[in-house]
Amino acid sequence: MRTSTGPRRRELLQALGIFQRATPDQLWKLTRPDNRHDKLTRDNLLVWRTTSW
């Protein structure tokens, strides 16, 4: 029996939309919630922020 992939596809598109709109800091918190920012990471996120938007 085959089930519909519609709900799963919708969830995936919503998740991708969140990552597409997230700031570098938000991505860091989503993907590495237990890690603190170190200076190198902070500097890289600042560079990414100024060059990606």
PDB file of N, CA and C in Angstrom:
ATOM      1  N   MET A   1       0.839  -1.181   0.000  1.00  0.00           N
ATOM      2  CA  MET A   1       0.000   0.000   0.000  1.00  0.00           C
ATOM      3  C   MET A   1       0.887   1.247   0.000  1.00  0.00           C
ATOM      4  N   ARG A   2       0.581   2.158  -0.851  1.00  0.00           N
ATOM      5  CA  ARG A   2       1.366   3.390  -0.966  1.00  0.00           C
ATOM      6  C   ARG A   2       0.661   4.531  -0.237  1.00  0.00           C
ATOM      7  N   THR A   3       1.442   5.309   0.503  1.00  0.00           N
ATOM      8  CA  THR A   3       0.858   6.442   1.224  1.00  0.00           C
ATOM      9  C   THR A   3       1.223   7.735   0.515  1.00  0.00           C
ATOM     10  N   SER A   4       0.473   8.757   0.793  1.00  0.00           N
ATOM     11  CA  SER A   4       0.701  10.059   0.176  1.00  0.00           C
ATOM     12  C   SER A   4       1.967  10.705   0.730  1.00  0.00           C
ATOM     13  N   THR A   5       2.750  11.295  -0.155  1.00  0.00           N
ATOM     14  CA  THR A   5       3.949  12.013   0.286  1.00  0.00           C
ATOM     15  C   THR A   5       3.681  13.499   0.465  1.00  0.00           C
ATOM     16  N   GLY A   6       2.448  13.921   0.238  1.00  0.00           N
ATOM     17  CA  GLY A   6       2.101  15.339   0.349  1.00  0.00           C
ATOM     18  C   GLY A   6       2.439  15.967   1.687  1.00  0.00           C
ATOM     19  N   PRO A   7       1.994  15.363   2.798  1.00  0.00           N
ATOM     20  CA  PRO A   7       2.310  15.972   4.102  1.00  0.00           C
ATOM     21  C   PRO A   7       3.811  16.029   4.373  1.00  0.00           C
ATOM     22  N   ARG A   8       4.531  14.978   4.030  1.00  0.00           N
ATOM     23  CA  ARG A   8       5.985  14.954   4.258  1.00  0.00           C
ATOM     24  C   ARG A   8       6.680  16.008   3.398  1.00  0.00           C
ATOM     25  N   ARG A   9       6.222  16.139   2.162  1.00  0.00           N
ATOM     26  CA  ARG A   9       6.805  17.128   1.248  1.00  0.00           C
ATOM     27  C   ARG A   9       6.561  18.542   1.771  1.00  0.00           C
ATOM     28  N   ARG A  10       5.367  18.802   2.264  1.00  0.00           N
ATOM     29  CA  ARG A  10       5.033  20.118   2.812  1.00  0.00           C
ATOM     30  C   ARG A  10       5.924  20.432   4.018  1.00  0.00           C
ATOM     31  N   GLU A  11       6.133  19.450   4.895  1.00  0.00           N
ATOM     32  CA  GLU A  11       7.001  19.654   6.058  1.00  0.00           C
ATOM     33  C   GLU A  11       8.432  19.950   5.627  1.00  0.00           C
ATOM     34  N   LEU A  12       8.909  19.239   4.628  1.00  0.00           N
ATOM     35  CA  LEU A  12      10.262  19.462   4.138  1.00  0.00           C
ATOM     36  C   LEU A  12      10.413  20.865   3.549  1.00  0.00           C
ATOM     37  N   LEU A  13       9.431  21.299   2.771  1.00  0.00           N
ATOM     38  CA  LEU A  13       9.489  22.641   2.185  1.00  0.00           C
ATOM     39  C   LEU A  13       9.441  23.721   3.257  1.00  0.00           C
ATOM     40  N   GLN A  14       8.663  23.492   4.298  1.00  0.00           N
ATOM     41  CA  GLN A  14       8.618  24.457   5.403  1.00  0.00           C
ATOM     42  C   GLN A  14       9.972  24.532   6.107  1.00  0.00           C
ATOM     43  N   ALA A  15      10.588  23.372   6.334  1.00  0.00           N
ATOM     44  CA  ALA A  15      11.897  23.353   6.984  1.00  0.00           C
ATOM     45  C   ALA A  15      12.941  24.065   6.124  1.00  0.00           C
ATOM     46  N   LEU A  16      12.924  23.826   4.837  1.00  0.00           N
ATOM     47  CA  LEU A  16      13.867  24.493   3.949  1.00  0.00           C
ATOM     48  C   LEU A  16      13.636  26.004   3.938  1.00  0.00           C
ATOM     49  N   GLY A  17      12.378  26.423   4.001  1.00  0.00           N
ATOM     50  CA  GLY A  17      12.064  27.850   4.056  1.00  0.00           C
ATOM     51  C   GLY A  17      12.605  28.498   5.303  1.00  0.00           C
ATOM     52  N   ILE A  18      12.573  27.782   6.418  1.00  0.00           N
ATOM     53  CA  ILE A  18      13.117  28.305   7.669  1.00  0.00           C
ATOM     54  C   ILE A  18      14.620  28.515   7.533  1.00  0.00           C
ATOM     55  N   PHE A  19      15.306  27.518   6.988  1.00  0.00           N
ATOM     56  CA  PHE A  19      16.760  27.649   6.833  1.00  0.00           C
ATOM     57  C   PHE A  19      17.124  28.722   5.830  1.00  0.00           C
ATOM     58  N   GLN A  20      16.303  28.920   4.831  1.00  0.00           N
ATOM     59  CA  GLN A  20      16.582  29.926   3.818  1.00  0.00           C
ATOM     60  C   GLN A  20      16.496  31.335   4.407  1.00  0.00           C
ATOM     61  N   ARG A  21      15.605  31.540   5.354  1.00  0.00           N
ATOM     62  CA  ARG A  21      15.384  32.870   5.911  1.00  0.00           C
ATOM     63  C   ARG A  21      16.125  33.129   7.218  1.00  0.00           C
ATOM     64  N   ALA A  22      16.723  32.094   7.769  1.00  0.00           N
ATOM     65  CA  ALA A  22      17.380  32.230   9.066  1.00  0.00           C
ATOM     66  C   ALA A  22      18.662  33.054   8.955  1.00  0.00           C
ATOM     67  N   THR A  23      18.933  33.795  10.004  1.00  0.00           N
ATOM     68  CA  THR A  23      20.185  34.533  10.072  1.00  0.00           C
ATOM     69  C   THR A  23      21.300  33.555  10.444  1.00  0.00           C
ATOM     70  N   PRO A  24      22.553  33.943  10.237  1.00  0.00           N
ATOM     71  CA  PRO A  24      23.651  33.054  10.648  1.00  0.00           C
ATOM     72  C   PRO A  24      23.575  32.666  12.127  1.00  0.00           C
ATOM     73  N   ASP A  25      23.229  33.608  12.975  1.00  0.00           N
ATOM     74  CA  ASP A  25      23.122  33.314  14.397  1.00  0.00           C
ATOM     75  C   ASP A  25      22.002  32.313  14.675  1.00  0.00           C
ATOM     76  N   GLN A  26      20.872  32.455  14.007  1.00  0.00           N
ATOM     77  CA  GLN A  26      19.770  31.518  14.189  1.00  0.00           C
ATOM     78  C   GLN A  26      20.149  30.121  13.700  1.00  0.00           C
ATOM     79  N   LEU A  27      20.865  30.048  12.570  1.00  0.00           N
ATOM     80  CA  LEU A  27      21.323  28.745  12.073  1.00  0.00           C
ATOM     81  C   LEU A  27      22.258  28.083  13.081  1.00  0.00           C
ATOM     82  N   TRP A  28      23.136  28.876  13.657  1.00  0.00           N
ATOM     83  CA  TRP A  28      24.055  28.334  14.658  1.00  0.00           C
ATOM     84  C   TRP A  28      23.271  27.739  15.825  1.00  0.00           C
ATOM     85  N   LYS A  29      22.296  28.469  16.316  1.00  0.00           N
ATOM     86  CA  LYS A  29      21.506  27.994  17.459  1.00  0.00           C
ATOM     87  C   LYS A  29      20.673  26.765  17.109  1.00  0.00           C
ATOM     88  N   LEU A  30      20.175  26.685  15.865  1.00  0.00           N
ATOM     89  CA  LEU A  30      19.400  25.520  15.446  1.00  0.00           C
ATOM     90  C   LEU A  30      20.260  24.274  15.283  1.00  0.00           C
ATOM     91  N   THR A  31      21.447  24.438  14.725  1.00  0.00           N
ATOM     92  CA  THR A  31      22.268  23.276  14.410  1.00  0.00           C
ATOM     93  C   THR A  31      23.251  22.901  15.503  1.00  0.00           C
ATOM     94  N   ARG A  32      23.600  23.855  16.379  1.00  0.00           N
ATOM     95  CA  ARG A  32      24.561  23.592  17.445  1.00  0.00           C
ATOM     96  C   ARG A  32      24.095  24.250  18.739  1.00  0.00           C
ATOM     97  N   PRO A  33      22.973  23.807  19.288  1.00  0.00           N
ATOM     98  CA  PRO A  33      22.385  24.498  20.444  1.00  0.00           C
ATOM     99  C   PRO A  33      23.256  24.469  21.701  1.00  0.00           C
ATOM    100  N   ASP A  34      24.140  23.482  21.839  1.00  0.00           N
ATOM    101  CA  ASP A  34      24.946  23.388  23.062  1.00  0.00           C
ATOM    102  C   ASP A  34      26.302  24.066  22.940  1.00  0.00           C
ATOM    103  N   ASN A  35      26.656  24.522  21.751  1.00  0.00           N
ATOM    104  CA  ASN A  35      27.970  25.145  21.554  1.00  0.00           C
ATOM    105  C   ASN A  35      27.882  26.654  21.692  1.00  0.00           C
ATOM    106  N   ARG A  36      28.892  27.194  22.337  1.00  0.00           N
ATOM    107  CA  ARG A  36      28.984  28.643  22.436  1.00  0.00           C
ATOM    108  C   ARG A  36      29.777  29.171  21.255  1.00  0.00           C
ATOM    109  N   HIS A  37      29.571  30.408  20.945  1.00  0.00           N
ATOM    110  CA  HIS A  37      30.327  31.056  19.879  1.00  0.00           C
ATOM    111  C   HIS A  37      31.748  31.319  20.360  1.00  0.00           C
ATOM    112  N   ASP A  38      32.700  31.004  19.529  1.00  0.00           N
ATOM    113  CA  ASP A  38      34.055  31.462  19.808  1.00  0.00           C
ATOM    114  C   ASP A  38      34.363  32.619  18.849  1.00  0.00           C
ATOM    115  N   LYS A  39      35.485  33.258  19.027  1.00  0.00           N
ATOM    116  CA  LYS A  39      35.794  34.449  18.229  1.00  0.00           C
ATOM    117  C   LYS A  39      35.861  34.133  16.737  1.00  0.00           C
ATOM    118  N   LEU A  40      36.477  33.031  16.359  1.00  0.00           N
ATOM    119  CA  LEU A  40      36.588  32.673  14.950  1.00  0.00           C
ATOM    120  C   LEU A  40      35.209  32.463  14.332  1.00  0.00           C
ATOM    121  N   THR A  41      34.351  31.759  15.024  1.00  0.00           N
ATOM    122  CA  THR A  41      33.002  31.520  14.523  1.00  0.00           C
ATOM    123  C   THR A  41      32.237  32.835  14.401  1.00  0.00           C
ATOM    124  N   ARG A  42      32.331  33.669  15.421  1.00  0.00           N
ATOM    125  CA  ARG A  42      31.641  34.956  15.390  1.00  0.00           C
ATOM    126  C   ARG A  42      32.116  35.804  14.213  1.00  0.00           C
ATOM    127  N   ASP A  43      33.417  35.852  14.013  1.00  0.00           N
ATOM    128  CA  ASP A  43      33.964  36.631  12.900  1.00  0.00           C
ATOM    129  C   ASP A  43      33.487  36.090  11.553  1.00  0.00           C
ATOM    130  N   ASN A  44      33.470  34.772  11.412  1.00  0.00           N
ATOM    131  CA  ASN A  44      32.990  34.169  10.159  1.00  0.00           C
ATOM    132  C   ASN A  44      31.518  34.454   9.925  1.00  0.00           C
ATOM    133  N   LEU A  45      30.710  34.402  10.969  1.00  0.00           N
ATOM    134  CA  LEU A  45      29.286  34.707  10.822  1.00  0.00           C
ATOM    135  C   LEU A  45      29.080  36.169  10.429  1.00  0.00           C
ATOM    136  N   LEU A  46      29.877  37.061  10.984  1.00  0.00           N
ATOM    137  CA  LEU A  46      29.762  38.473  10.621  1.00  0.00           C
ATOM    138  C   LEU A  46      30.136  38.697   9.158  1.00  0.00           C
ATOM    139  N   VAL A  47      31.178  38.035   8.688  1.00  0.00           N
ATOM    140  CA  VAL A  47      31.565  38.144   7.278  1.00  0.00           C
ATOM    141  C   VAL A  47      30.459  37.595   6.397  1.00  0.00           C
ATOM    142  N   TRP A  48      29.915  36.447   6.776  1.00  0.00           N
ATOM    143  CA  TRP A  48      28.843  35.836   5.989  1.00  0.00           C
ATOM    144  C   TRP A  48      27.627  36.765   5.936  1.00  0.00           C
ATOM    145  N   ARG A  49      27.310  37.398   7.068  1.00  0.00           N
ATOM    146  CA  ARG A  49      26.156  38.291   7.109  1.00  0.00           C
ATOM    147  C   ARG A  49      26.338  39.479   6.160  1.00  0.00           C
ATOM    148  N   THR A  50      27.548  40.035   6.121  1.00  0.00           N
ATOM    149  CA  THR A  50      27.772  41.209   5.280  1.00  0.00           C
ATOM    150  C   THR A  50      27.878  40.866   3.796  1.00  0.00           C
ATOM    151  N   THR A  51      28.222  39.630   3.462  1.00  0.00           N
ATOM    152  CA  THR A  51      28.384  39.264   2.051  1.00  0.00           C
ATOM    153  C   THR A  51      27.183  38.525   1.485  1.00  0.00           C
ATOM    154  N   SER A  52      26.330  37.970   2.334  1.00  0.00           N
ATOM    155  CA  SER A  52      25.236  37.153   1.801  1.00  0.00           C
ATOM    156  C   SER A  52      23.943  37.929   1.593  1.00  0.00           C
ATOM    157  N   TRP A  53      23.809  39.097   2.161  1.00  0.00           N
ATOM    158  CA  TRP A  53      22.547  39.842   1.988  1.00  0.00           C
ATOM    159  C   TRP A  53      22.837  41.093   1.280  1.00  0.00           C
TER     160      TRP A  53
END
